[in-house]
Protein backbone atom coordinates (compact mmCIF):
# COMPACT_ATOMS: atom_id res chain seq x y z
CA ASN A 1 16.89 -10.41 33.67
CA PHE A 2 15.38 -10.11 30.24
CA THR A 3 13.64 -6.77 30.63
CA LYS A 4 15.64 -3.69 31.43
CA ALA A 5 14.62 -1.00 33.88
CA GLY A 6 11.55 0.86 32.58
CA GLU A 7 10.69 -1.72 29.89
CA GLN A 8 7.29 -3.36 29.89
CA GLU A 9 6.89 -7.11 30.24
CA ALA A 10 5.18 -7.09 26.82
CA ILE A 11 8.66 -6.85 25.25
CA ARG A 12 8.89 -10.60 25.90
CA CYS A 13 6.28 -11.19 23.17
CA ASP A 14 8.13 -10.59 19.92
CA THR A 15 9.29 -12.38 16.81
CA GLN A 16 11.81 -15.19 17.20
CA ALA A 17 14.47 -13.18 15.34
CA LYS A 18 14.09 -10.15 17.63
CA LEU A 19 14.15 -12.29 20.78
CA ILE A 20 17.36 -14.01 19.65
CA ALA A 21 18.87 -10.61 18.83
CA ARG A 22 18.09 -9.55 22.43
CA GLY A 23 20.02 -12.53 23.76
CA CYS A 24 17.36 -15.23 24.24
CA GLU A 25 18.48 -18.79 23.77
CA ARG A 26 16.48 -20.55 21.03
CA ILE A 27 15.59 -23.36 23.46
CA ASP A 28 13.98 -20.85 25.84
CA ILE A 29 11.69 -19.33 23.21
CA ILE A 30 8.13 -20.66 23.15
CA SER A 31 6.83 -20.25 19.62
CA PRO A 32 3.65 -22.19 18.81
CA GLN A 33 3.19 -23.10 15.14
CA ASN A 34 0.08 -22.86 13.00
CA MET A 35 -2.32 -25.73 13.52
CA LYS A 36 -4.87 -27.19 11.11
CA THR A 37 -7.52 -29.73 12.08
CA ILE A 38 -9.88 -31.10 9.44
CA THR A 39 -13.18 -31.75 11.21
CA GLN A 40 -15.28 -32.84 8.22
CA GLN A 41 -14.02 -34.33 4.96
CA ASP A 42 -16.77 -36.19 3.11
CA PRO A 43 -15.86 -37.74 -0.26
CA LEU A 44 -16.73 -35.77 -3.40
CA SER A 45 -19.92 -36.79 -5.22
CA SER A 46 -19.83 -37.84 -8.85
CA SER A 47 -23.45 -36.99 -9.67
CA PHE A 48 -26.45 -34.95 -8.53
CA ASP A 49 -28.42 -38.13 -7.77
CA THR A 50 -27.55 -37.97 -4.06
CA GLU A 51 -29.71 -35.90 -1.73
CA GLU A 52 -26.96 -33.37 -0.91
CA PRO A 53 -24.05 -33.72 -3.35
CA VAL A 54 -20.58 -32.94 -2.02
CA GLN A 55 -18.65 -30.71 -4.42
CA MET A 56 -15.94 -29.34 -2.13
CA SER A 57 -13.67 -31.10 0.32
CA PRO A 58 -12.84 -30.67 3.14
CA GLN A 59 -16.09 -29.14 4.35
CA LYS A 60 -14.91 -27.94 7.79
CA ILE A 61 -11.44 -26.91 8.94
CA ASN A 62 -10.33 -25.43 12.25
CA LEU A 63 -7.27 -23.19 11.95
CA LYS A 64 -5.11 -21.67 14.67
CA LEU A 65 -2.86 -19.17 12.94
CA ARG A 66 -0.08 -16.92 14.15
CA PRO A 67 0.02 -13.39 12.75
CA GLY A 68 2.49 -13.13 9.89
CA LEU A 69 3.05 -16.89 9.67
CA PRO A 70 1.57 -18.26 6.42
CA HIS A 71 -0.15 -21.63 6.22
CA LYS A 72 -1.26 -23.61 3.16
CA PHE A 73 -4.00 -26.20 2.85
CA THR A 74 -5.61 -27.91 -0.10
CA VAL A 75 -9.27 -27.64 -1.08
CA SER A 76 -10.65 -29.92 -3.80
CA PHE A 77 -13.67 -29.09 -5.97
CA LYS A 78 -15.53 -31.34 -8.38
CA ARG A 79 -18.81 -30.27 -9.97
CA ALA A 80 -21.36 -33.02 -9.48
CA GLU A 81 -22.71 -34.14 -12.84
CA GLY A 82 -26.19 -32.71 -13.37
CA TYR A 83 -25.88 -30.17 -10.55
CA PRO A 84 -28.05 -27.10 -11.29
CA VAL A 85 -26.35 -23.94 -12.49
CA ASP A 86 -27.96 -20.55 -11.88
CA LEU A 87 -27.51 -18.00 -14.64
CA TYR A 88 -28.77 -14.45 -14.29
CA TYR A 89 -28.52 -11.54 -16.68
CA LEU A 90 -29.59 -7.98 -16.06
CA MET A 91 -31.15 -6.01 -18.88
CA ASP A 92 -31.98 -2.35 -19.37
CA LEU A 93 -35.63 -2.41 -20.50
CA SER A 94 -35.80 1.18 -21.70
CA TYR A 95 -36.96 1.84 -25.29
CA SER A 96 -33.41 2.51 -26.50
CA MET A 97 -32.58 -1.15 -25.74
CA LYS A 98 -35.63 -2.57 -27.56
CA ASP A 99 -33.63 -4.26 -30.36
CA ASP A 100 -31.23 -5.81 -27.80
CA LEU A 101 -34.18 -7.17 -25.82
CA GLU A 102 -35.45 -8.96 -28.94
CA ASN A 103 -31.99 -10.51 -29.47
CA VAL A 104 -31.85 -11.72 -25.87
CA LYS A 105 -35.33 -13.27 -26.17
CA GLY A 106 -34.18 -15.14 -29.24
CA LEU A 107 -31.01 -16.34 -27.55
CA GLY A 108 -33.00 -17.75 -24.64
CA LYS A 109 -33.99 -20.85 -26.64
CA ASP A 110 -30.37 -21.44 -27.72
CA LEU A 111 -29.20 -21.00 -24.15
CA PHE A 112 -31.78 -23.50 -22.89
CA ALA A 113 -30.72 -26.03 -25.52
CA ALA A 114 -27.05 -25.62 -24.49
CA LEU A 115 -27.94 -26.07 -20.81
CA ASN A 116 -29.85 -29.27 -21.61
CA LYS A 117 -26.65 -30.70 -23.08
CA ILE A 118 -24.80 -30.39 -19.78
CA THR A 119 -27.51 -31.00 -17.18
CA LYS A 120 -30.77 -32.92 -16.81
CA HIS A 121 -32.17 -30.19 -14.56
CA ALA A 122 -32.21 -27.11 -16.83
CA LYS A 123 -34.91 -24.51 -16.17
CA ILE A 124 -35.45 -21.06 -17.62
CA GLY A 125 -37.44 -18.42 -15.80
CA ASN A 126 -37.29 -14.87 -14.59
CA ASP A 127 -37.09 -13.16 -11.25
CA THR A 128 -39.76 -10.48 -11.00
CA ARG A 129 -38.48 -9.37 -7.57
CA ILE A 130 -35.71 -7.30 -9.17
CA LYS A 131 -36.74 -3.68 -9.63
CA ILE A 132 -34.57 -0.89 -11.04
């Protein structure tokens, strides 16, 4: 006798508060909670010496979430020592930027020296695929 004449059966699917306000007993309300299952959680790597260093854990999580019901989970990150870092900068190569281009060329050596202080795998190059 939950639905009244003319009401759709979909009225049964509502928030817990609204169902209680309509007269449902709390024990009769089926309200599944959020579920989290960690399916892969490899330990974090300390260096880049391993074939595939692990820098974030867990790696795979299955979540079943209810709309409007928040859920928290923790993700850990640790940069593996010596792991390569990609650094890109975009430069306007028109004549008006000529003096800036010279400054950037000069800073390249300083940048490479700084990278060598934090990683054994520093490389400097350019990507000629980018066209403007």
